[in-house]
Amino acid sequence: MIDIVPMTEKYIDDVTEIDESCFHVPWTRSDFEKEVKENKMAIYYVAVDENGKAVGYAGMWHVVNEGHITNVAVLEEHRREGIGDMLMEALEEKALELEMIGITLEVRISNLGAQKLYTKHGYKPEGFRKRYYTDTNEDAVIMWKYFPNYENYSETL
């Protein structure tokens, strides 16, 4: 059984390990401490297993009236269990609660698995960032998911 809960300091070591196992250029423990303790825009959730260990996490920043997903990661041995879906749903529920107009993210052009997850949740490619990933100079796909209140917001512009 997996529970999705807000990330607290208690999970920082687990999340750091997840990040190190999933990303070429992982965030540091200090990065996650700052996100949890200092960044007022940060919203993070962890997927916790029956032993109380985080096996996945997702985060976004609430910037004005938009969400910007920072990372979504699940330990390899727990992939294809629906954890990524649960984490995405938690972020989207929070975004709707905070009346955001949508959520954006960047994803490696080669990361087809992540793109499939995001597309499944209604995200659409809207552009590219050339050489966005400095470790490989790989391009990023910019994806957006707009919420129904975006139409009301855009009409006021």
N, C-alpha and C. Protein backbone atom coordinates (compact mmCIF):
# COMPACT_ATOMS: atom_id res chain seq x y z
N MET A 1 0.85 -1.19 0.00
CA MET A 1 0.00 0.00 0.00
C MET A 1 0.88 1.25 0.00
N ILE A 2 0.54 2.18 -0.84
CA ILE A 2 1.29 3.44 -0.96
C ILE A 2 0.40 4.58 -0.52
N ASP A 3 0.94 5.45 0.31
CA ASP A 3 0.24 6.67 0.72
C ASP A 3 0.98 7.86 0.13
N ILE A 4 0.23 8.85 -0.32
CA ILE A 4 0.80 10.10 -0.81
C ILE A 4 0.59 11.13 0.28
N VAL A 5 1.71 11.68 0.78
CA VAL A 5 1.66 12.64 1.89
C VAL A 5 2.56 13.82 1.56
N PRO A 6 2.27 14.97 2.19
CA PRO A 6 3.17 16.12 1.99
C PRO A 6 4.58 15.77 2.48
N MET A 7 5.57 16.26 1.76
CA MET A 7 6.95 16.02 2.14
C MET A 7 7.33 16.88 3.33
N THR A 8 7.97 16.26 4.29
CA THR A 8 8.50 16.96 5.46
C THR A 8 9.98 16.62 5.57
N GLU A 9 10.64 17.23 6.55
CA GLU A 9 12.06 16.96 6.78
C GLU A 9 12.32 15.47 7.00
N LYS A 10 11.37 14.79 7.55
CA LYS A 10 11.49 13.35 7.84
C LYS A 10 11.88 12.54 6.60
N TYR A 11 11.47 13.00 5.43
CA TYR A 11 11.67 12.23 4.20
C TYR A 11 12.85 12.71 3.35
N ILE A 12 13.58 13.71 3.80
CA ILE A 12 14.63 14.30 2.97
C ILE A 12 15.70 13.28 2.58
N ASP A 13 16.14 12.44 3.51
CA ASP A 13 17.16 11.45 3.16
C ASP A 13 16.65 10.49 2.09
N ASP A 14 15.41 10.01 2.24
CA ASP A 14 14.83 9.11 1.24
C ASP A 14 14.73 9.80 -0.12
N VAL A 15 14.26 11.03 -0.12
CA VAL A 15 14.08 11.76 -1.38
C VAL A 15 15.43 12.03 -2.04
N THR A 16 16.44 12.33 -1.26
CA THR A 16 17.79 12.53 -1.81
C THR A 16 18.27 11.24 -2.49
N GLU A 17 18.03 10.10 -1.85
CA GLU A 17 18.42 8.81 -2.44
C GLU A 17 17.65 8.55 -3.74
N ILE A 18 16.36 8.86 -3.75
CA ILE A 18 15.55 8.68 -4.95
C ILE A 18 16.12 9.54 -6.08
N ASP A 19 16.40 10.79 -5.76
CA ASP A 19 16.90 11.72 -6.77
C ASP A 19 18.23 11.24 -7.33
N GLU A 20 19.11 10.78 -6.46
CA GLU A 20 20.42 10.28 -6.90
C GLU A 20 20.28 9.07 -7.82
N SER A 21 19.28 8.24 -7.57
CA SER A 21 19.11 7.04 -8.39
C SER A 21 18.38 7.31 -9.70
N CYS A 22 17.70 8.45 -9.81
CA CYS A 22 16.86 8.71 -10.98
C CYS A 22 17.42 9.75 -11.94
N PHE A 23 18.27 10.66 -11.48
CA PHE A 23 18.68 11.78 -12.31
C PHE A 23 20.19 11.85 -12.51
N HIS A 24 20.61 12.29 -13.69
CA HIS A 24 22.02 12.46 -14.02
C HIS A 24 22.67 13.51 -13.14
N VAL A 25 21.95 14.57 -12.88
CA VAL A 25 22.45 15.66 -12.04
C VAL A 25 21.45 15.82 -10.88
N PRO A 26 21.62 15.02 -9.83
CA PRO A 26 20.65 15.06 -8.74
C PRO A 26 20.78 16.31 -7.88
N TRP A 27 19.68 16.62 -7.24
CA TRP A 27 19.70 17.69 -6.26
C TRP A 27 20.42 17.17 -5.01
N THR A 28 20.92 18.09 -4.21
CA THR A 28 21.61 17.71 -2.97
C THR A 28 20.62 17.68 -1.81
N ARG A 29 21.07 17.11 -0.73
CA ARG A 29 20.25 17.11 0.49
C ARG A 29 19.92 18.55 0.88
N SER A 30 20.91 19.42 0.75
CA SER A 30 20.72 20.83 1.08
C SER A 30 19.65 21.48 0.19
N ASP A 31 19.62 21.10 -1.10
CA ASP A 31 18.59 21.62 -2.00
C ASP A 31 17.20 21.27 -1.48
N PHE A 32 17.03 20.02 -1.07
CA PHE A 32 15.71 19.58 -0.58
C PHE A 32 15.38 20.23 0.76
N GLU A 33 16.38 20.41 1.62
CA GLU A 33 16.13 21.10 2.89
C GLU A 33 15.62 22.51 2.65
N LYS A 34 16.25 23.21 1.70
CA LYS A 34 15.80 24.56 1.38
C LYS A 34 14.38 24.57 0.83
N GLU A 35 14.07 23.59 -0.01
CA GLU A 35 12.72 23.51 -0.58
C GLU A 35 11.68 23.35 0.53
N VAL A 36 11.96 22.45 1.48
CA VAL A 36 11.00 22.14 2.54
C VAL A 36 10.94 23.25 3.60
N LYS A 37 12.10 23.79 3.96
CA LYS A 37 12.16 24.73 5.08
C LYS A 37 12.00 26.20 4.68
N GLU A 38 12.48 26.58 3.48
CA GLU A 38 12.57 27.99 3.16
C GLU A 38 11.74 28.45 1.96
N ASN A 39 11.56 27.59 0.99
CA ASN A 39 10.90 28.02 -0.25
C ASN A 39 9.38 28.04 -0.07
N LYS A 40 8.85 29.23 0.06
CA LYS A 40 7.40 29.39 0.29
C LYS A 40 6.58 29.00 -0.94
N MET A 41 7.22 28.91 -2.12
CA MET A 41 6.53 28.52 -3.34
C MET A 41 6.48 27.00 -3.52
N ALA A 42 7.28 26.28 -2.75
CA ALA A 42 7.45 24.84 -2.96
C ALA A 42 6.30 24.01 -2.39
N ILE A 43 5.87 23.05 -3.20
CA ILE A 43 4.84 22.08 -2.80
C ILE A 43 5.39 20.71 -3.20
N TYR A 44 5.61 19.85 -2.22
CA TYR A 44 6.18 18.53 -2.49
C TYR A 44 5.34 17.44 -1.82
N TYR A 45 5.25 16.32 -2.52
CA TYR A 45 4.59 15.14 -1.99
C TYR A 45 5.53 13.95 -2.11
N VAL A 46 5.38 13.01 -1.19
CA VAL A 46 6.13 11.76 -1.27
C VAL A 46 5.16 10.59 -1.29
N ALA A 47 5.60 9.53 -1.96
CA ALA A 47 4.88 8.26 -1.98
C ALA A 47 5.57 7.38 -0.94
N VAL A 48 4.83 7.01 0.08
CA VAL A 48 5.40 6.27 1.21
C VAL A 48 4.87 4.85 1.21
N ASP A 49 5.80 3.87 1.34
CA ASP A 49 5.38 2.46 1.36
C ASP A 49 4.95 2.05 2.75
N GLU A 50 4.57 0.78 2.89
CA GLU A 50 4.05 0.28 4.17
C GLU A 50 5.08 0.30 5.29
N ASN A 51 6.38 0.45 4.95
CA ASN A 51 7.44 0.53 5.96
C ASN A 51 7.77 1.97 6.35
N GLY A 52 7.04 2.92 5.77
CA GLY A 52 7.28 4.32 6.08
C GLY A 52 8.42 4.94 5.29
N LYS A 53 8.87 4.26 4.24
CA LYS A 53 9.97 4.76 3.40
C LYS A 53 9.40 5.41 2.15
N ALA A 54 9.95 6.56 1.79
CA ALA A 54 9.54 7.22 0.55
C ALA A 54 10.14 6.46 -0.62
N VAL A 55 9.29 6.13 -1.59
CA VAL A 55 9.74 5.41 -2.79
C VAL A 55 9.56 6.26 -4.05
N GLY A 56 9.00 7.44 -3.89
CA GLY A 56 8.81 8.37 -4.99
C GLY A 56 8.50 9.73 -4.42
N TYR A 57 8.66 10.74 -5.26
CA TYR A 57 8.30 12.09 -4.84
C TYR A 57 8.01 12.94 -6.06
N ALA A 58 7.32 14.04 -5.84
CA ALA A 58 7.04 15.02 -6.89
C ALA A 58 6.95 16.38 -6.24
N GLY A 59 7.39 17.38 -6.99
CA GLY A 59 7.34 18.74 -6.45
C GLY A 59 7.02 19.76 -7.52
N MET A 60 6.48 20.86 -7.07
CA MET A 60 6.23 21.99 -7.97
C MET A 60 6.35 23.27 -7.18
N TRP A 61 6.57 24.34 -7.93
CA TRP A 61 6.56 25.68 -7.36
C TRP A 61 5.29 26.38 -7.78
N HIS A 62 4.69 27.09 -6.83
CA HIS A 62 3.51 27.90 -7.10
C HIS A 62 4.00 29.32 -7.41
N VAL A 63 4.05 29.64 -8.68
CA VAL A 63 4.57 30.93 -9.13
C VAL A 63 3.40 31.77 -9.65
N VAL A 64 3.05 32.78 -8.89
CA VAL A 64 1.93 33.68 -9.16
C VAL A 64 0.64 32.84 -9.28
N ASN A 65 0.21 32.51 -10.49
CA ASN A 65 -1.02 31.72 -10.64
C ASN A 65 -0.77 30.45 -11.45
N GLU A 66 0.48 30.00 -11.50
CA GLU A 66 0.85 28.80 -12.26
C GLU A 66 1.64 27.85 -11.37
N GLY A 67 1.64 26.59 -11.78
CA GLY A 67 2.50 25.60 -11.15
C GLY A 67 3.64 25.27 -12.10
N HIS A 68 4.81 25.07 -11.54
CA HIS A 68 5.96 24.64 -12.34
C HIS A 68 6.53 23.39 -11.68
N ILE A 69 6.35 22.24 -12.33
CA ILE A 69 6.84 20.99 -11.76
C ILE A 69 8.37 21.00 -11.80
N THR A 70 8.97 20.73 -10.65
CA THR A 70 10.43 20.68 -10.55
C THR A 70 10.94 19.28 -10.86
N ASN A 71 10.36 18.28 -10.22
CA ASN A 71 10.80 16.90 -10.40
C ASN A 71 9.66 15.94 -10.09
N VAL A 72 9.69 14.82 -10.78
CA VAL A 72 8.84 13.67 -10.47
C VAL A 72 9.76 12.47 -10.58
N ALA A 73 9.86 11.67 -9.52
CA ALA A 73 10.77 10.53 -9.55
C ALA A 73 10.21 9.39 -8.70
N VAL A 74 10.39 8.18 -9.22
CA VAL A 74 9.98 6.97 -8.52
C VAL A 74 11.13 5.98 -8.62
N LEU A 75 11.46 5.33 -7.51
CA LEU A 75 12.52 4.32 -7.55
C LEU A 75 12.21 3.29 -8.62
N GLU A 76 13.24 2.85 -9.32
CA GLU A 76 13.05 1.95 -10.45
C GLU A 76 12.27 0.69 -10.07
N GLU A 77 12.54 0.14 -8.90
CA GLU A 77 11.85 -1.09 -8.48
C GLU A 77 10.37 -0.88 -8.16
N HIS A 78 9.93 0.38 -8.13
CA HIS A 78 8.52 0.67 -7.85
C HIS A 78 7.81 1.33 -9.03
N ARG A 79 8.46 1.36 -10.17
CA ARG A 79 7.82 1.92 -11.35
C ARG A 79 6.78 0.95 -11.88
N ARG A 80 5.82 1.48 -12.62
CA ARG A 80 4.72 0.71 -13.21
C ARG A 80 3.74 0.20 -12.14
N GLU A 81 3.74 0.89 -10.99
CA GLU A 81 2.79 0.56 -9.91
C GLU A 81 1.74 1.66 -9.75
N GLY A 82 1.77 2.66 -10.63
CA GLY A 82 0.82 3.76 -10.54
C GLY A 82 1.24 4.88 -9.60
N ILE A 83 2.45 4.82 -9.08
CA ILE A 83 2.91 5.83 -8.12
C ILE A 83 3.08 7.18 -8.80
N GLY A 84 3.64 7.19 -10.00
CA GLY A 84 3.77 8.45 -10.74
C GLY A 84 2.42 9.10 -10.95
N ASP A 85 1.42 8.29 -11.30
CA ASP A 85 0.05 8.81 -11.47
C ASP A 85 -0.47 9.43 -10.18
N MET A 86 -0.27 8.73 -9.06
CA MET A 86 -0.75 9.25 -7.78
C MET A 86 -0.07 10.57 -7.42
N LEU A 87 1.22 10.66 -7.67
CA LEU A 87 1.94 11.89 -7.37
C LEU A 87 1.47 13.04 -8.26
N MET A 88 1.28 12.76 -9.54
CA MET A 88 0.77 13.80 -10.46
C MET A 88 -0.62 14.27 -10.02
N GLU A 89 -1.47 13.34 -9.64
CA GLU A 89 -2.82 13.70 -9.19
C GLU A 89 -2.76 14.58 -7.95
N ALA A 90 -1.84 14.28 -7.02
CA ALA A 90 -1.72 15.10 -5.81
C ALA A 90 -1.31 16.53 -6.16
N LEU A 91 -0.35 16.67 -7.07
CA LEU A 91 0.07 18.01 -7.49
C LEU A 91 -1.08 18.76 -8.15
N GLU A 92 -1.80 18.07 -9.02
CA GLU A 92 -2.90 18.72 -9.74
C GLU A 92 -4.05 19.10 -8.81
N GLU A 93 -4.35 18.25 -7.84
CA GLU A 93 -5.40 18.59 -6.87
C GLU A 93 -5.02 19.85 -6.09
N LYS A 94 -3.75 19.93 -5.69
CA LYS A 94 -3.28 21.10 -4.95
C LYS A 94 -3.33 22.35 -5.83
N ALA A 95 -2.94 22.19 -7.10
CA ALA A 95 -2.98 23.32 -8.04
C ALA A 95 -4.41 23.85 -8.19
N LEU A 96 -5.36 22.94 -8.31
CA LEU A 96 -6.76 23.36 -8.44
C LEU A 96 -7.24 24.03 -7.16
N GLU A 97 -6.85 23.47 -6.02
CA GLU A 97 -7.22 24.05 -4.73
C GLU A 97 -6.70 25.48 -4.61
N LEU A 98 -5.50 25.72 -5.15
CA LEU A 98 -4.89 27.05 -5.09
C LEU A 98 -5.28 27.94 -6.26
N GLU A 99 -6.22 27.45 -7.08
CA GLU A 99 -6.77 28.18 -8.22
C GLU A 99 -5.71 28.58 -9.24
N MET A 100 -4.76 27.69 -9.47
CA MET A 100 -3.77 27.92 -10.51
C MET A 100 -4.45 27.77 -11.87
N ILE A 101 -3.91 28.46 -12.88
CA ILE A 101 -4.49 28.37 -14.22
C ILE A 101 -3.94 27.19 -15.01
N GLY A 102 -2.83 26.62 -14.53
CA GLY A 102 -2.24 25.47 -15.20
C GLY A 102 -0.91 25.12 -14.59
N ILE A 103 -0.32 24.05 -15.13
CA ILE A 103 0.98 23.57 -14.66
C ILE A 103 1.86 23.35 -15.88
N THR A 104 3.12 23.72 -15.74
CA THR A 104 4.11 23.50 -16.79
C THR A 104 5.27 22.68 -16.26
N LEU A 105 6.06 22.16 -17.18
CA LEU A 105 7.25 21.39 -16.82
C LEU A 105 8.16 21.30 -18.03
N GLU A 106 9.40 20.92 -17.79
CA GLU A 106 10.34 20.57 -18.85
C GLU A 106 10.71 19.11 -18.65
N VAL A 107 10.88 18.41 -19.77
CA VAL A 107 11.26 17.00 -19.72
C VAL A 107 12.26 16.74 -20.85
N ARG A 108 13.24 15.89 -20.56
CA ARG A 108 14.23 15.55 -21.58
C ARG A 108 13.53 15.02 -22.82
N ILE A 109 14.00 15.45 -23.98
CA ILE A 109 13.40 15.02 -25.23
C ILE A 109 13.50 13.50 -25.38
N SER A 110 14.49 12.88 -24.75
CA SER A 110 14.68 11.42 -24.84
C SER A 110 13.89 10.64 -23.80
N ASN A 111 13.29 11.33 -22.82
CA ASN A 111 12.59 10.64 -21.74
C ASN A 111 11.15 10.36 -22.14
N LEU A 112 10.99 9.37 -22.98
CA LEU A 112 9.66 9.05 -23.52
C LEU A 112 8.73 8.51 -22.44
N GLY A 113 9.26 7.80 -21.45
CA GLY A 113 8.42 7.29 -20.37
C GLY A 113 7.76 8.41 -19.59
N ALA A 114 8.54 9.44 -19.25
CA ALA A 114 7.99 10.59 -18.52
C ALA A 114 7.00 11.34 -19.40
N GLN A 115 7.34 11.52 -20.67
CA GLN A 115 6.42 12.21 -21.58
C GLN A 115 5.09 11.47 -21.67
N LYS A 116 5.15 10.16 -21.68
CA LYS A 116 3.92 9.35 -21.73
C LYS A 116 3.08 9.59 -20.47
N LEU A 117 3.73 9.62 -19.31
CA LEU A 117 3.01 9.89 -18.06
C LEU A 117 2.33 11.26 -18.12
N TYR A 118 3.07 12.27 -18.55
CA TYR A 118 2.52 13.62 -18.59
C TYR A 118 1.39 13.73 -19.61
N THR A 119 1.57 13.12 -20.77
CA THR A 119 0.52 13.15 -21.79
C THR A 119 -0.75 12.47 -21.28
N LYS A 120 -0.57 11.37 -20.57
CA LYS A 120 -1.70 10.66 -19.97
C LYS A 120 -2.50 11.58 -19.04
N HIS A 121 -1.82 12.52 -18.41
CA HIS A 121 -2.46 13.44 -17.48
C HIS A 121 -2.91 14.74 -18.15
N GLY A 122 -2.84 14.79 -19.48
CA GLY A 122 -3.38 15.94 -20.19
C GLY A 122 -2.38 17.03 -20.52
N TYR A 123 -1.11 16.79 -20.30
CA TYR A 123 -0.09 17.78 -20.65
C TYR A 123 0.20 17.68 -22.14
N LYS A 124 0.44 18.85 -22.74
CA LYS A 124 0.71 18.90 -24.18
C LYS A 124 2.01 19.64 -24.42
N PRO A 125 2.79 19.16 -25.41
CA PRO A 125 4.02 19.88 -25.74
C PRO A 125 3.70 21.24 -26.34
N GLU A 126 4.43 22.26 -25.88
CA GLU A 126 4.18 23.62 -26.37
C GLU A 126 5.45 24.31 -26.83
N GLY A 127 6.58 23.62 -26.76
CA GLY A 127 7.82 24.23 -27.20
C GLY A 127 9.01 23.42 -26.76
N PHE A 128 10.18 23.98 -27.02
CA PHE A 128 11.43 23.31 -26.68
C PHE A 128 12.38 24.32 -26.05
N ARG A 129 13.25 23.81 -25.21
CA ARG A 129 14.36 24.60 -24.68
C ARG A 129 15.64 23.92 -25.19
N LYS A 130 16.33 24.58 -26.09
CA LYS A 130 17.55 24.03 -26.68
C LYS A 130 18.65 23.89 -25.63
N ARG A 131 19.29 22.73 -25.62
CA ARG A 131 20.43 22.44 -24.74
C ARG A 131 20.12 22.77 -23.28
N TYR A 132 18.91 22.50 -22.85
CA TYR A 132 18.45 22.83 -21.49
C TYR A 132 19.21 22.04 -20.43
N TYR A 133 19.50 20.79 -20.72
CA TYR A 133 20.18 19.93 -19.74
C TYR A 133 21.69 20.05 -19.95
N THR A 134 22.34 20.69 -19.00
CA THR A 134 23.75 21.03 -19.16
C THR A 134 24.67 19.81 -19.11
N ASP A 135 24.22 18.72 -18.50
CA ASP A 135 25.08 17.55 -18.41
C ASP A 135 25.27 16.88 -19.78
N THR A 136 24.28 16.99 -20.65
CA THR A 136 24.33 16.32 -21.96
C THR A 136 24.04 17.27 -23.12
N ASN A 137 23.69 18.51 -22.80
CA ASN A 137 23.25 19.49 -23.81
C ASN A 137 21.98 19.03 -24.53
N GLU A 138 21.22 18.18 -23.89
CA GLU A 138 19.98 17.68 -24.49
C GLU A 138 18.89 18.74 -24.41
N ASP A 139 18.04 18.75 -25.41
CA ASP A 139 16.90 19.66 -25.42
C ASP A 139 15.82 19.18 -24.45
N ALA A 140 15.00 20.13 -24.01
CA ALA A 140 13.84 19.82 -23.18
C ALA A 140 12.58 20.13 -23.96
N VAL A 141 11.57 19.32 -23.73
CA VAL A 141 10.24 19.60 -24.24
C VAL A 141 9.51 20.36 -23.14
N ILE A 142 8.91 21.49 -23.48
CA ILE A 142 8.09 22.25 -22.54
C ILE A 142 6.66 21.74 -22.70
N MET A 143 6.08 21.31 -21.60
CA MET A 143 4.71 20.80 -21.64
C MET A 143 3.85 21.62 -20.69
N TRP A 144 2.57 21.77 -21.06
CA TRP A 144 1.60 22.52 -20.27
C TRP A 144 0.31 21.72 -20.12
N LYS A 145 -0.30 21.92 -18.97
CA LYS A 145 -1.68 21.47 -18.78
C LYS A 145 -2.42 22.68 -18.22
N TYR A 146 -3.44 23.12 -18.96
CA TYR A 146 -4.24 24.26 -18.51
C TYR A 146 -5.51 23.73 -17.85
N PHE A 147 -5.94 24.45 -16.81
CA PHE A 147 -7.15 24.08 -16.09
C PHE A 147 -8.32 24.91 -16.61
N PRO A 148 -9.55 24.49 -16.31
CA PRO A 148 -10.72 25.23 -16.82
C PRO A 148 -10.72 26.72 -16.47
N ASN A 149 -10.18 27.10 -15.32
CA ASN A 149 -10.19 28.52 -14.95
C ASN A 149 -9.21 29.34 -15.79
N TYR A 150 -8.40 28.69 -16.63
CA TYR A 150 -7.50 29.42 -17.54
C TYR A 150 -8.31 30.24 -18.53
N GLU A 151 -9.41 29.66 -19.01
CA GLU A 151 -10.24 30.38 -19.98
C GLU A 151 -10.78 31.67 -19.39
N ASN A 152 -11.22 31.63 -18.12
CA ASN A 152 -11.71 32.82 -17.46
C ASN A 152 -10.59 33.84 -17.28
N TYR A 153 -9.42 33.36 -16.93
CA TYR A 153 -8.27 34.25 -16.73
C TYR A 153 -7.86 34.90 -18.05
N SER A 154 -7.75 34.11 -19.10
CA SER A 154 -7.27 34.64 -20.37
C SER A 154 -8.26 35.65 -20.97
N GLU A 155 -9.53 35.55 -20.63
CA GLU A 155 -10.52 36.50 -21.13
C GLU A 155 -10.35 37.88 -20.49
N THR A 156 -9.71 37.92 -19.31
CA THR A 156 -9.52 39.20 -18.62
C THR A 156 -8.27 39.93 -19.08
N LEU A 157 -7.45 39.27 -19.88
CA LEU A 157 -6.20 39.90 -20.34
C LEU A 157 -6.44 40.95 -21.41
